[in-house]
Amino acid sequence: MARLLVVDDESSIRLLYSQELGEEGYDVVTAGSAVEAVEKLQNEQFDLILLDIKLKNESGLDLLQKIVKDRHDLPVVLCSAFSCYKDDFSAWLADGYVVKSSDLQELKDEIKKVLAKKQNR
């Protein structure tokens, strides 16, 4: 069972992803801020991170750069309500990019794809 860290400042998104991805068989841990995410990354092991780009007072892209620097082997999938960040070169550091939707199939497919890619490294 893969262990996922969902980083999003919206509690409803954290709850939705936790329930939906939990039903898919993933062990889901959530964080509501970049600070909380960093603390969890220092103390726990994860197979993949789902990261919102716009956190309350923080940038998910800044957190992405820190993750890539400290844990380059840990895949990150960016989840954003905005598609415009796909063209931001900082977003290219991520292993995947999904625009938030009420239909979570694209997100689930991207997670499977990225985890399969990680296993084949």
PDB file of N, CA and C in Angstrom:
ATOM      1  N   MET A   1       0.843  -1.181   0.000  1.00  0.00           N
ATOM      2  CA  MET A   1       0.000   0.000   0.000  1.00  0.00           C
ATOM      3  C   MET A   1       0.885   1.239   0.000  1.00  0.00           C
ATOM      4  N   ALA A   2       0.650   2.091  -0.965  1.00  0.00           N
ATOM      5  CA  ALA A   2       1.435   3.322  -1.056  1.00  0.00           C
ATOM      6  C   ALA A   2       0.930   4.335  -0.033  1.00  0.00           C
ATOM      7  N   ARG A   3       1.862   5.101   0.475  1.00  0.00           N
ATOM      8  CA  ARG A   3       1.539   6.113   1.480  1.00  0.00           C
ATOM      9  C   ARG A   3       1.644   7.495   0.825  1.00  0.00           C
ATOM     10  N   LEU A   4       0.548   8.251   0.902  1.00  0.00           N
ATOM     11  CA  LEU A   4       0.474   9.554   0.249  1.00  0.00           C
ATOM     12  C   LEU A   4       0.378  10.669   1.281  1.00  0.00           C
ATOM     13  N   LEU A   5       1.035  11.791   0.982  1.00  0.00           N
ATOM     14  CA  LEU A   5       0.880  13.006   1.776  1.00  0.00           C
ATOM     15  C   LEU A   5       0.132  14.017   0.926  1.00  0.00           C
ATOM     16  N   VAL A   6      -1.050  14.427   1.375  1.00  0.00           N
ATOM     17  CA  VAL A   6      -1.856  15.432   0.688  1.00  0.00           C
ATOM     18  C   VAL A   6      -1.625  16.766   1.390  1.00  0.00           C
ATOM     19  N   VAL A   7      -1.106  17.749   0.636  1.00  0.00           N
ATOM     20  CA  VAL A   7      -0.839  19.070   1.195  1.00  0.00           C
ATOM     21  C   VAL A   7      -1.783  20.059   0.523  1.00  0.00           C
ATOM     22  N   ASP A   8      -2.761  20.534   1.276  1.00  0.00           N
ATOM     23  CA  ASP A   8      -3.747  21.479   0.744  1.00  0.00           C
ATOM     24  C   ASP A   8      -4.288  22.289   1.911  1.00  0.00           C
ATOM     25  N   ASP A   9      -4.460  23.594   1.708  1.00  0.00           N
ATOM     26  CA  ASP A   9      -4.955  24.436   2.797  1.00  0.00           C
ATOM     27  C   ASP A   9      -6.466  24.343   2.969  1.00  0.00           C
ATOM     28  N   GLU A  10      -7.175  23.737   2.038  1.00  0.00           N
ATOM     29  CA  GLU A  10      -8.630  23.594   2.152  1.00  0.00           C
ATOM     30  C   GLU A  10      -8.962  22.269   2.831  1.00  0.00           C
ATOM     31  N   SER A  11      -9.594  22.366   3.998  1.00  0.00           N
ATOM     32  CA  SER A  11      -9.911  21.152   4.753  1.00  0.00           C
ATOM     33  C   SER A  11     -10.864  20.232   3.981  1.00  0.00           C
ATOM     34  N   SER A  12     -11.770  20.810   3.191  1.00  0.00           N
ATOM     35  CA  SER A  12     -12.710  19.980   2.426  1.00  0.00           C
ATOM     36  C   SER A  12     -11.967  19.150   1.371  1.00  0.00           C
ATOM     37  N   ILE A  13     -10.945  19.728   0.755  1.00  0.00           N
ATOM     38  CA  ILE A  13     -10.148  18.978  -0.232  1.00  0.00           C
ATOM     39  C   ILE A  13      -9.363  17.872   0.468  1.00  0.00           C
ATOM     40  N   ARG A  14      -8.780  18.193   1.617  1.00  0.00           N
ATOM     41  CA  ARG A  14      -8.023  17.167   2.355  1.00  0.00           C
ATOM     42  C   ARG A  14      -8.932  15.996   2.722  1.00  0.00           C
ATOM     43  N   LEU A  15     -10.143  16.323   3.183  1.00  0.00           N
ATOM     44  CA  LEU A  15     -11.095  15.273   3.563  1.00  0.00           C
ATOM     45  C   LEU A  15     -11.521  14.456   2.346  1.00  0.00           C
ATOM     46  N   LEU A  16     -11.846  15.134   1.247  1.00  0.00           N
ATOM     47  CA  LEU A  16     -12.272  14.443   0.026  1.00  0.00           C
ATOM     48  C   LEU A  16     -11.176  13.514  -0.492  1.00  0.00           C
ATOM     49  N   TYR A  17      -9.966  14.041  -0.611  1.00  0.00           N
ATOM     50  CA  TYR A  17      -8.861  13.223  -1.128  1.00  0.00           C
ATOM     51  C   TYR A  17      -8.552  12.069  -0.179  1.00  0.00           C
ATOM     52  N   SER A  18      -8.633  12.344   1.122  1.00  0.00           N
ATOM     53  CA  SER A  18      -8.353  11.296   2.098  1.00  0.00           C
ATOM     54  C   SER A  18      -9.354  10.151   1.963  1.00  0.00           C
ATOM     55  N   GLN A  19     -10.628  10.491   1.826  1.00  0.00           N
ATOM     56  CA  GLN A  19     -11.656   9.448   1.700  1.00  0.00           C
ATOM     57  C   GLN A  19     -11.557   8.716   0.364  1.00  0.00           C
ATOM     58  N   GLU A  20     -11.489   9.477  -0.723  1.00  0.00           N
ATOM     59  CA  GLU A  20     -11.482   8.860  -2.062  1.00  0.00           C
ATOM     60  C   GLU A  20     -10.223   8.018  -2.291  1.00  0.00           C
ATOM     61  N   LEU A  21      -9.094   8.548  -1.912  1.00  0.00           N
ATOM     62  CA  LEU A  21      -7.844   7.819  -2.141  1.00  0.00           C
ATOM     63  C   LEU A  21      -7.685   6.682  -1.139  1.00  0.00           C
ATOM     64  N   GLY A  22      -8.257   6.850   0.042  1.00  0.00           N
ATOM     65  CA  GLY A  22      -8.285   5.758   1.012  1.00  0.00           C
ATOM     66  C   GLY A  22      -9.081   4.577   0.484  1.00  0.00           C
ATOM     67  N   GLU A  23     -10.196   4.877  -0.180  1.00  0.00           N
ATOM     68  CA  GLU A  23     -11.000   3.810  -0.782  1.00  0.00           C
ATOM     69  C   GLU A  23     -10.261   3.117  -1.928  1.00  0.00           C
ATOM     70  N   GLU A  24      -9.292   3.816  -2.528  1.00  0.00           N
ATOM     71  CA  GLU A  24      -8.474   3.217  -3.584  1.00  0.00           C
ATOM     72  C   GLU A  24      -7.371   2.330  -3.016  1.00  0.00           C
ATOM     73  N   GLY A  25      -7.248   2.327  -1.682  1.00  0.00           N
ATOM     74  CA  GLY A  25      -6.254   1.477  -1.042  1.00  0.00           C
ATOM     75  C   GLY A  25      -4.993   2.184  -0.595  1.00  0.00           C
ATOM     76  N   TYR A  26      -4.971   3.509  -0.722  1.00  0.00           N
ATOM     77  CA  TYR A  26      -3.783   4.252  -0.294  1.00  0.00           C
ATOM     78  C   TYR A  26      -3.898   4.607   1.187  1.00  0.00           C
ATOM     79  N   ASP A  27      -2.754   4.686   1.835  1.00  0.00           N
ATOM     80  CA  ASP A  27      -2.666   5.204   3.196  1.00  0.00           C
ATOM     81  C   ASP A  27      -2.433   6.710   3.049  1.00  0.00           C
ATOM     82  N   VAL A  28      -3.416   7.508   3.445  1.00  0.00           N
ATOM     83  CA  VAL A  28      -3.376   8.950   3.183  1.00  0.00           C
ATOM     84  C   VAL A  28      -3.168   9.728   4.477  1.00  0.00           C
ATOM     85  N   VAL A  29      -2.169  10.600   4.452  1.00  0.00           N
ATOM     86  CA  VAL A  29      -1.885  11.521   5.547  1.00  0.00           C
ATOM     87  C   VAL A  29      -2.053  12.928   4.971  1.00  0.00           C
ATOM     88  N   THR A  30      -2.576  13.858   5.753  1.00  0.00           N
ATOM     89  CA  THR A  30      -2.798  15.202   5.232  1.00  0.00           C
ATOM     90  C   THR A  30      -2.027  16.242   6.022  1.00  0.00           C
ATOM     91  N   ALA A  31      -1.768  17.366   5.330  1.00  0.00           N
ATOM     92  CA  ALA A  31      -1.143  18.531   5.954  1.00  0.00           C
ATOM     93  C   ALA A  31      -1.832  19.772   5.394  1.00  0.00           C
ATOM     94  N   GLY A  32      -2.101  20.750   6.272  1.00  0.00           N
ATOM     95  CA  GLY A  32      -2.807  21.950   5.850  1.00  0.00           C
ATOM     96  C   GLY A  32      -1.913  23.121   5.501  1.00  0.00           C
ATOM     97  N   SER A  33      -0.600  22.941   5.650  1.00  0.00           N
ATOM     98  CA  SER A  33       0.338  24.033   5.352  1.00  0.00           C
ATOM     99  C   SER A  33       1.689  23.441   4.959  1.00  0.00           C
ATOM    100  N   ALA A  34       2.531  24.315   4.416  1.00  0.00           N
ATOM    101  CA  ALA A  34       3.878  23.879   4.054  1.00  0.00           C
ATOM    102  C   ALA A  34       4.675  23.508   5.304  1.00  0.00           C
ATOM    103  N   VAL A  35       4.498  24.270   6.377  1.00  0.00           N
ATOM    104  CA  VAL A  35       5.220  23.985   7.622  1.00  0.00           C
ATOM    105  C   VAL A  35       4.841  22.603   8.135  1.00  0.00           C
ATOM    106  N   GLU A  36       3.550  22.319   8.158  1.00  0.00           N
ATOM    107  CA  GLU A  36       3.088  21.010   8.628  1.00  0.00           C
ATOM    108  C   GLU A  36       3.615  19.899   7.719  1.00  0.00           C
ATOM    109  N   ALA A  37       3.635  20.166   6.424  1.00  0.00           N
ATOM    110  CA  ALA A  37       4.131  19.158   5.475  1.00  0.00           C
ATOM    111  C   ALA A  37       5.605  18.857   5.716  1.00  0.00           C
ATOM    112  N   VAL A  38       6.397  19.899   5.937  1.00  0.00           N
ATOM    113  CA  VAL A  38       7.835  19.706   6.185  1.00  0.00           C
ATOM    114  C   VAL A  38       8.043  18.890   7.455  1.00  0.00           C
ATOM    115  N   GLU A  39       7.255  19.183   8.496  1.00  0.00           N
ATOM    116  CA  GLU A  39       7.375  18.420   9.744  1.00  0.00           C
ATOM    117  C   GLU A  39       7.068  16.942   9.504  1.00  0.00           C
ATOM    118  N   LYS A  40       6.019  16.682   8.735  1.00  0.00           N
ATOM    119  CA  LYS A  40       5.652  15.287   8.471  1.00  0.00           C
ATOM    120  C   LYS A  40       6.707  14.604   7.609  1.00  0.00           C
ATOM    121  N   LEU A  41       7.282  15.346   6.662  1.00  0.00           N
ATOM    122  CA  LEU A  41       8.321  14.764   5.814  1.00  0.00           C
ATOM    123  C   LEU A  41       9.581  14.423   6.608  1.00  0.00           C
ATOM    124  N   GLN A  42       9.836  15.175   7.678  1.00  0.00           N
ATOM    125  CA  GLN A  42      11.016  14.913   8.506  1.00  0.00           C
ATOM    126  C   GLN A  42      10.829  13.690   9.401  1.00  0.00           C
ATOM    127  N   ASN A  43       9.572  13.361   9.703  1.00  0.00           N
ATOM    128  CA  ASN A  43       9.306  12.298  10.671  1.00  0.00           C
ATOM    129  C   ASN A  43       8.658  11.045  10.108  1.00  0.00           C
ATOM    130  N   GLU A  44       8.171  11.105   8.861  1.00  0.00           N
ATOM    131  CA  GLU A  44       7.450   9.971   8.308  1.00  0.00           C
ATOM    132  C   GLU A  44       7.925   9.700   6.881  1.00  0.00           C
ATOM    133  N   GLN A  45       7.633   8.512   6.406  1.00  0.00           N
ATOM    134  CA  GLN A  45       7.989   8.119   5.038  1.00  0.00           C
ATOM    135  C   GLN A  45       6.749   8.146   4.152  1.00  0.00           C
ATOM    136  N   PHE A  46       6.917   8.647   2.946  1.00  0.00           N
ATOM    137  CA  PHE A  46       5.816   8.696   1.987  1.00  0.00           C
ATOM    138  C   PHE A  46       6.310   8.190   0.637  1.00  0.00           C
ATOM    139  N   ASP A  47       5.353   7.730  -0.170  1.00  0.00           N
ATOM    140  CA  ASP A  47       5.675   7.271  -1.523  1.00  0.00           C
ATOM    141  C   ASP A  47       5.386   8.344  -2.567  1.00  0.00           C
ATOM    142  N   LEU A  48       4.513   9.290  -2.221  1.00  0.00           N
ATOM    143  CA  LEU A  48       4.132  10.337  -3.174  1.00  0.00           C
ATOM    144  C   LEU A  48       3.493  11.492  -2.412  1.00  0.00           C
ATOM    145  N   ILE A  49       3.661  12.701  -2.935  1.00  0.00           N
ATOM    146  CA  ILE A  49       3.039  13.886  -2.349  1.00  0.00           C
ATOM    147  C   ILE A  49       2.081  14.498  -3.364  1.00  0.00           C
ATOM    148  N   LEU A  50       0.873  14.809  -2.917  1.00  0.00           N
ATOM    149  CA  LEU A  50      -0.073  15.608  -3.691  1.00  0.00           C
ATOM    150  C   LEU A  50       0.008  17.009  -3.118  1.00  0.00           C
ATOM    151  N   LEU A  51       0.376  17.968  -3.929  1.00  0.00           N
ATOM    152  CA  LEU A  51       0.677  19.304  -3.425  1.00  0.00           C
ATOM    153  C   LEU A  51      -0.124  20.374  -4.147  1.00  0.00           C
ATOM    154  N   ASP A  52      -0.883  21.147  -3.382  1.00  0.00           N
ATOM    155  CA  ASP A  52      -1.594  22.297  -3.928  1.00  0.00           C
ATOM    156  C   ASP A  52      -0.586  23.407  -4.187  1.00  0.00           C
ATOM    157  N   ILE A  53      -0.776  24.146  -5.253  1.00  0.00           N
ATOM    158  CA  ILE A  53       0.163  25.221  -5.579  1.00  0.00           C
ATOM    159  C   ILE A  53      -0.092  26.459  -4.727  1.00  0.00           C
ATOM    160  N   LYS A  54      -1.359  26.782  -4.526  1.00  0.00           N
ATOM    161  CA  LYS A  54      -1.688  27.985  -3.747  1.00  0.00           C
ATOM    162  C   LYS A  54      -2.116  27.574  -2.345  1.00  0.00           C
ATOM    163  N   LEU A  55      -1.215  27.721  -1.411  1.00  0.00           N
ATOM    164  CA  LEU A  55      -1.526  27.503  -0.007  1.00  0.00           C
ATOM    165  C   LEU A  55      -1.794  28.880   0.598  1.00  0.00           C
ATOM    166  N   LYS A  56      -2.394  28.956   1.757  1.00  0.00           N
ATOM    167  CA  LYS A  56      -2.819  30.247   2.323  1.00  0.00           C
ATOM    168  C   LYS A  56      -1.766  31.344   2.217  1.00  0.00           C
ATOM    169  N   ASN A  57      -0.732  31.258   2.978  1.00  0.00           N
ATOM    170  CA  ASN A  57       0.314  32.284   2.973  1.00  0.00           C
ATOM    171  C   ASN A  57       1.629  31.738   2.438  1.00  0.00           C
ATOM    172  N   GLU A  58       1.544  30.627   1.751  1.00  0.00           N
ATOM    173  CA  GLU A  58       2.751  29.964   1.282  1.00  0.00           C
ATOM    174  C   GLU A  58       2.567  29.553  -0.169  1.00  0.00           C
ATOM    175  N   SER A  59       3.660  29.299  -0.821  1.00  0.00           N
ATOM    176  CA  SER A  59       3.617  28.844  -2.204  1.00  0.00           C
ATOM    177  C   SER A  59       3.940  27.351  -2.264  1.00  0.00           C
ATOM    178  N   GLY A  60       3.067  26.612  -2.891  1.00  0.00           N
ATOM    179  CA  GLY A  60       3.342  25.197  -3.098  1.00  0.00           C
ATOM    180  C   GLY A  60       4.561  24.992  -3.988  1.00  0.00           C
ATOM    181  N   LEU A  61       4.793  25.948  -4.886  1.00  0.00           N
ATOM    182  CA  LEU A  61       5.960  25.829  -5.769  1.00  0.00           C
ATOM    183  C   LEU A  61       7.261  25.993  -4.975  1.00  0.00           C
ATOM    184  N   ASP A  62       7.252  26.861  -3.951  1.00  0.00           N
ATOM    185  CA  ASP A  62       8.431  26.987  -3.080  1.00  0.00           C
ATOM    186  C   ASP A  62       8.648  25.687  -2.301  1.00  0.00           C
ATOM    187  N   LEU A  63       7.555  25.110  -1.814  1.00  0.00           N
ATOM    188  CA  LEU A  63       7.665  23.828  -1.102  1.00  0.00           C
ATOM    189  C   LEU A  63       8.148  22.735  -2.048  1.00  0.00           C
ATOM    190  N   LEU A  64       7.683  22.753  -3.272  1.00  0.00           N
ATOM    191  CA  LEU A  64       8.141  21.773  -4.270  1.00  0.00           C
ATOM    192  C   LEU A  64       9.660  21.846  -4.434  1.00  0.00           C
ATOM    193  N   GLN A  65      10.191  23.063  -4.539  1.00  0.00           N
ATOM    194  CA  GLN A  65      11.646  23.207  -4.694  1.00  0.00           C
ATOM    195  C   GLN A  65      12.388  22.638  -3.490  1.00  0.00           C
ATOM    196  N   LYS A  66      11.853  22.856  -2.291  1.00  0.00           N
ATOM    197  CA  LYS A  66      12.492  22.315  -1.084  1.00  0.00           C
ATOM    198  C   LYS A  66      12.442  20.789  -1.096  1.00  0.00           C
ATOM    199  N   ILE A  67      11.305  20.240  -1.479  1.00  0.00           N
ATOM    200  CA  ILE A  67      11.168  18.780  -1.513  1.00  0.00           C
ATOM    201  C   ILE A  67      12.151  18.185  -2.520  1.00  0.00           C
ATOM    202  N   VAL A  68      12.217  18.780  -3.695  1.00  0.00           N
ATOM    203  CA  VAL A  68      13.117  18.266  -4.731  1.00  0.00           C
ATOM    204  C   VAL A  68      14.565  18.339  -4.256  1.00  0.00           C
ATOM    205  N   LYS A  69      14.911  19.418  -3.535  1.00  0.00           N
ATOM    206  CA  LYS A  69      16.282  19.584  -3.032  1.00  0.00           C
ATOM    207  C   LYS A  69      16.606  18.545  -1.957  1.00  0.00           C
ATOM    208  N   ASP A  70      15.650  18.357  -1.017  1.00  0.00           N
ATOM    209  CA  ASP A  70      15.909  17.480   0.131  1.00  0.00           C
ATOM    210  C   ASP A  70      15.572  16.014  -0.127  1.00  0.00           C
ATOM    211  N   ARG A  71      14.570  15.771  -0.947  1.00  0.00           N
ATOM    212  CA  ARG A  71      14.073  14.402  -1.171  1.00  0.00           C
ATOM    213  C   ARG A  71      13.822  14.184  -2.665  1.00  0.00           C
ATOM    214  N   HIS A  72      14.859  14.268  -3.462  1.00  0.00           N
ATOM    215  CA  HIS A  72      14.706  14.198  -4.915  1.00  0.00           C
ATOM    216  C   HIS A  72      14.089  12.887  -5.403  1.00  0.00           C
ATOM    217  N   ASP A  73      14.092  11.854  -4.533  1.00  0.00           N
ATOM    218  CA  ASP A  73      13.534  10.564  -4.917  1.00  0.00           C
ATOM    219  C   ASP A  73      12.038  10.456  -4.627  1.00  0.00           C
ATOM    220  N   LEU A  74      11.455  11.481  -4.030  1.00  0.00           N
ATOM    221  CA  LEU A  74      10.049  11.462  -3.641  1.00  0.00           C
ATOM    222  C   LEU A  74       9.212  12.162  -4.711  1.00  0.00           C
ATOM    223  N   PRO A  75       8.356  11.411  -5.424  1.00  0.00           N
ATOM    224  CA  PRO A  75       7.558  12.044  -6.478  1.00  0.00           C
ATOM    225  C   PRO A  75       6.502  12.998  -5.928  1.00  0.00           C
ATOM    226  N   VAL A  76       6.261  14.060  -6.685  1.00  0.00           N
ATOM    227  CA  VAL A  76       5.273  15.071  -6.320  1.00  0.00           C
ATOM    228  C   VAL A  76       4.318  15.275  -7.490  1.00  0.00           C
ATOM    229  N   VAL A  77       3.028  15.256  -7.188  1.00  0.00           N
ATOM    230  CA  VAL A  77       2.002  15.598  -8.170  1.00  0.00           C
ATOM    231  C   VAL A  77       1.372  16.905  -7.708  1.00  0.00           C
ATOM    232  N   LEU A  78       1.443  17.920  -8.562  1.00  0.00           N
ATOM    233  CA  LEU A  78       0.821  19.196  -8.246  1.00  0.00           C
ATOM    234  C   LEU A  78      -0.669  19.125  -8.545  1.00  0.00           C
ATOM    235  N   CYS A  79      -1.471  19.665  -7.639  1.00  0.00           N
ATOM    236  CA  CYS A  79      -2.927  19.741  -7.810  1.00  0.00           C
ATOM    237  C   CYS A  79      -3.308  21.208  -7.661  1.00  0.00           C
ATOM    238  N   SER A  80      -3.880  21.756  -8.695  1.00  0.00           N
ATOM    239  CA  SER A  80      -4.219  23.171  -8.651  1.00  0.00           C
ATOM    240  C   SER A  80      -5.562  23.422  -9.309  1.00  0.00           C
ATOM    241  N   ALA A  81      -6.221  24.462  -8.867  1.00  0.00           N
ATOM    242  CA  ALA A  81      -7.451  24.889  -9.525  1.00  0.00           C
ATOM    243  C   ALA A  81      -7.129  25.637 -10.810  1.00  0.00           C
ATOM    244  N   PHE A  82      -5.860  25.950 -11.019  1.00  0.00           N
ATOM    245  CA  PHE A  82      -5.429  26.753 -12.160  1.00  0.00           C
ATOM    246  C   PHE A  82      -4.549  25.943 -13.102  1.00  0.00           C
ATOM    247  N   SER A  83      -4.854  25.994 -14.380  1.00  0.00           N
ATOM    248  CA  SER A  83      -4.022  25.283 -15.355  1.00  0.00           C
ATOM    249  C   SER A  83      -2.823  26.120 -15.786  1.00  0.00           C
ATOM    250  N   CYS A  84      -2.859  27.436 -15.509  1.00  0.00           N
ATOM    251  CA  CYS A  84      -1.805  28.336 -15.991  1.00  0.00           C
ATOM    252  C   CYS A  84      -0.431  28.016 -15.407  1.00  0.00           C
ATOM    253  N   TYR A  85      -0.375  27.359 -14.267  1.00  0.00           N
ATOM    254  CA  TYR A  85       0.919  27.064 -13.652  1.00  0.00           C
ATOM    255  C   TYR A  85       1.670  25.942 -14.370  1.00  0.00           C
ATOM    256  N   LYS A  86       1.002  25.248 -15.279  1.00  0.00           N
ATOM    257  CA  LYS A  86       1.703  24.199 -16.038  1.00  0.00           C
ATOM    258  C   LYS A  86       2.875  24.783 -16.810  1.00  0.00           C
ATOM    259  N   ASP A  87       2.768  26.054 -17.197  1.00  0.00           N
ATOM    260  CA  ASP A  87       3.817  26.703 -17.972  1.00  0.00           C
ATOM    261  C   ASP A  87       4.899  27.328 -17.105  1.00  0.00           C
ATOM    262  N   ASP A  88       4.719  27.335 -15.795  1.00  0.00           N
ATOM    263  CA  ASP A  88       5.729  27.876 -14.880  1.00  0.00           C
ATOM    264  C   ASP A  88       6.865  26.857 -14.767  1.00  0.00           C
ATOM    265  N   PHE A  89       8.065  27.295 -15.048  1.00  0.00           N
ATOM    266  CA  PHE A  89       9.180  26.342 -15.053  1.00  0.00           C
ATOM    267  C   PHE A  89       9.389  25.665 -13.706  1.00  0.00           C
ATOM    268  N   SER A  90       8.978  26.322 -12.607  1.00  0.00           N
ATOM    269  CA  SER A  90       9.088  25.679 -11.297  1.00  0.00           C
ATOM    270  C   SER A  90       8.194  24.452 -11.200  1.00  0.00           C
ATOM    271  N   ALA A  91       7.057  24.502 -11.865  1.00  0.00           N
ATOM    272  CA  ALA A  91       6.120  23.371 -11.844  1.00  0.00           C
ATOM    273  C   ALA A  91       6.678  22.163 -12.586  1.00  0.00           C
ATOM    274  N   TRP A  92       7.636  22.401 -13.467  1.00  0.00           N
ATOM    275  CA  TRP A  92       8.213  21.301 -14.241  1.00  0.00           C
ATOM    276  C   TRP A  92       9.028  20.363 -13.365  1.00  0.00           C
ATOM    277  N   LEU A  93       9.353  20.794 -12.140  1.00  0.00           N
ATOM    278  CA  LEU A  93      10.084  19.919 -11.218  1.00  0.00           C
ATOM    279  C   LEU A  93       9.206  18.771 -10.724  1.00  0.00           C
ATOM    280  N   ALA A  94       7.889  18.959 -10.808  1.00  0.00           N
ATOM    281  CA  ALA A  94       6.959  17.937 -10.326  1.00  0.00           C
ATOM    282  C   ALA A  94       6.891  16.766 -11.303  1.00  0.00           C
ATOM    283  N   ASP A  95       6.462  15.643 -10.793  1.00  0.00           N
ATOM    284  CA  ASP A  95       6.322  14.442 -11.615  1.00  0.00           C
ATOM    285  C   ASP A  95       4.975  14.393 -12.327  1.00  0.00           C
ATOM    286  N   GLY A  96       4.028  15.208 -11.861  1.00  0.00           N
ATOM    287  CA  GLY A  96       2.712  15.242 -12.477  1.00  0.00           C
ATOM    288  C   GLY A  96       1.990  16.530 -12.136  1.00  0.00           C
ATOM    289  N   TYR A  97       0.958  16.819 -12.920  1.00  0.00           N
ATOM    290  CA  TYR A  97       0.187  18.049 -12.716  1.00  0.00           C
ATOM    291  C   TYR A  97      -1.256  17.739 -13.049  1.00  0.00           C
ATOM    292  N   VAL A  98      -2.151  18.029 -12.114  1.00  0.00           N
ATOM    293  CA  VAL A  98      -3.579  17.767 -12.320  1.00  0.00           C
ATOM    294  C   VAL A  98      -4.356  19.020 -11.934  1.00  0.00           C
ATOM    295  N   VAL A  99      -5.285  19.411 -12.791  1.00  0.00           N
ATOM    296  CA  VAL A  99      -6.181  20.519 -12.462  1.00  0.00           C
ATOM    297  C   VAL A  99      -7.322  19.944 -11.631  1.00  0.00           C
ATOM    298  N   LYS A 100      -7.598  20.594 -10.500  1.00  0.00           N
ATOM    299  CA  LYS A 100      -8.639  20.100  -9.596  1.00  0.00           C
ATOM    300  C   LYS A 100      -9.974  20.010 -10.314  1.00  0.00           C
ATOM    301  N   SER A 101     -10.704  18.953 -10.004  1.00  0.00           N
ATOM    302  CA  SER A 101     -11.999  18.714 -10.622  1.00  0.00           C
ATOM    303  C   SER A 101     -12.859  17.915  -9.647  1.00  0.00           C
ATOM    304  N   SER A 102     -14.167  17.987  -9.827  1.00  0.00           N
ATOM    305  CA  SER A 102     -15.047  17.168  -8.996  1.00  0.00           C
ATOM    306  C   SER A 102     -14.927  15.690  -9.364  1.00  0.00           C
ATOM    307  N   ASP A 103     -14.481  15.429 -10.579  1.00  0.00           N
ATOM    308  CA  ASP A 103     -14.204  14.060 -11.025  1.00  0.00           C
ATOM    309  C   ASP A 103     -12.734  13.763 -10.707  1.00  0.00           C
ATOM    310  N   LEU A 104     -12.508  12.851  -9.785  1.00  0.00           N
ATOM    311  CA  LEU A 104     -11.130  12.585  -9.342  1.00  0.00           C
ATOM    312  C   LEU A 104     -10.420  11.516 -10.162  1.00  0.00           C
ATOM    313  N   GLN A 105     -11.023  11.078 -11.261  1.00  0.00           N
ATOM    314  CA  GLN A 105     -10.411   9.996 -12.040  1.00  0.00           C
ATOM    315  C   GLN A 105      -9.048  10.392 -12.599  1.00  0.00           C
ATOM    316  N   GLU A 106      -8.929  11.622 -13.115  1.00  0.00           N
ATOM    317  CA  GLU A 106      -7.636  12.055 -13.655  1.00  0.00           C
ATOM    318  C   GLU A 106      -6.569  12.042 -12.563  1.00  0.00           C
ATOM    319  N   LEU A 107      -6.945  12.497 -11.368  1.00  0.00           N
ATOM    320  CA  LEU A 107      -6.001  12.497 -10.245  1.00  0.00           C
ATOM    321  C   LEU A 107      -5.579  11.067  -9.895  1.00  0.00           C
ATOM    322  N   LYS A 108      -6.549  10.171  -9.816  1.00  0.00           N
ATOM    323  CA  LYS A 108      -6.250   8.776  -9.488  1.00  0.00           C
ATOM    324  C   LYS A 108      -5.357   8.145 -10.555  1.00  0.00           C
ATOM    325  N   ASP A 109      -5.641   8.438 -11.827  1.00  0.00           N
ATOM    326  CA  ASP A 109      -4.818   7.903 -12.924  1.00  0.00           C
ATOM    327  C   ASP A 109      -3.393   8.441 -12.847  1.00  0.00           C
ATOM    328  N   GLU A 110      -3.258   9.727 -12.532  1.00  0.00           N
ATOM    329  CA  GLU A 110      -1.929  10.341 -12.454  1.00  0.00           C
ATOM    330  C   GLU A 110      -1.131   9.728 -11.299  1.00  0.00           C
ATOM    331  N   ILE A 111      -1.780   9.503 -10.173  1.00  0.00           N
ATOM    332  CA  ILE A 111      -1.101   8.886  -9.028  1.00  0.00           C
ATOM    333  C   ILE A 111      -0.589   7.500  -9.407  1.00  0.00           C
ATOM    334  N   LYS A 112      -1.435   6.696 -10.043  1.00  0.00           N
ATOM    335  CA  LYS A 112      -1.013   5.348 -10.457  1.00  0.00           C
ATOM    336  C   LYS A 112       0.158   5.417 -11.417  1.00  0.00           C
ATOM    337  N   LYS A 113       0.089   6.348 -12.375  1.00  0.00           N
ATOM    338  CA  LYS A 113       1.156   6.484 -13.370  1.00  0.00           C
ATOM    339  C   LYS A 113       2.483   6.871 -12.710  1.00  0.00           C
ATOM    340  N   VAL A 114       2.425   7.844 -11.814  1.00  0.00           N
ATOM    341  CA  VAL A 114       3.658   8.319 -11.175  1.00  0.00           C
ATOM    342  C   VAL A 114       4.242   7.245 -10.253  1.00  0.00           C
ATOM    343  N   LEU A 115       3.387   6.547  -9.508  1.00  0.00           N
ATOM    344  CA  LEU A 115       3.888   5.482  -8.634  1.00  0.00           C
ATOM    345  C   LEU A 115       4.498   4.334  -9.446  1.00  0.00           C
ATOM    346  N   ALA A 116       3.880   3.995 -10.579  1.00  0.00           N
ATOM    347  CA  ALA A 116       4.437   2.939 -11.445  1.00  0.00           C
ATOM    348  C   ALA A 116       5.793   3.364 -11.992  1.00  0.00           C
ATOM    349  N   LYS A 117       5.905   4.628 -12.358  1.00  0.00           N
ATOM    350  CA  LYS A 117       7.180   5.164 -12.866  1.00  0.00           C
ATOM    351  C   LYS A 117       8.245   5.100 -11.776  1.00  0.00           C
ATOM    352  N   LYS A 118       7.855   5.400 -10.527  1.00  0.00           N
ATOM    353  CA  LYS A 118       8.794   5.361  -9.403  1.00  0.00           C
ATOM    354  C   LYS A 118       9.305   3.939  -9.182  1.00  0.00           C
ATOM    355  N   GLN A 119       8.416   2.951  -9.303  1.00  0.00           N
ATOM    356  CA  GLN A 119       8.822   1.563  -9.083  1.00  0.00           C
ATOM    357  C   GLN A 119       9.786   1.074 -10.150  1.00  0.00           C
ATOM    358  N   ASN A 120       9.702   1.658 -11.346  1.00  0.00           N
ATOM    359  CA  ASN A 120      10.559   1.226 -12.454  1.00  0.00           C
ATOM    360  C   ASN A 120      11.893   1.948 -12.497  1.00  0.00           C
ATOM    361  N   ARG A 121      12.137   2.843 -11.551  1.00  0.00           N
ATOM    362  CA  ARG A 121      13.414   3.586 -11.532  1.00  0.00           C
ATOM    363  C   ARG A 121      14.545   2.684 -11.151  1.00  0.00           C
TER     364      ARG A 121
END
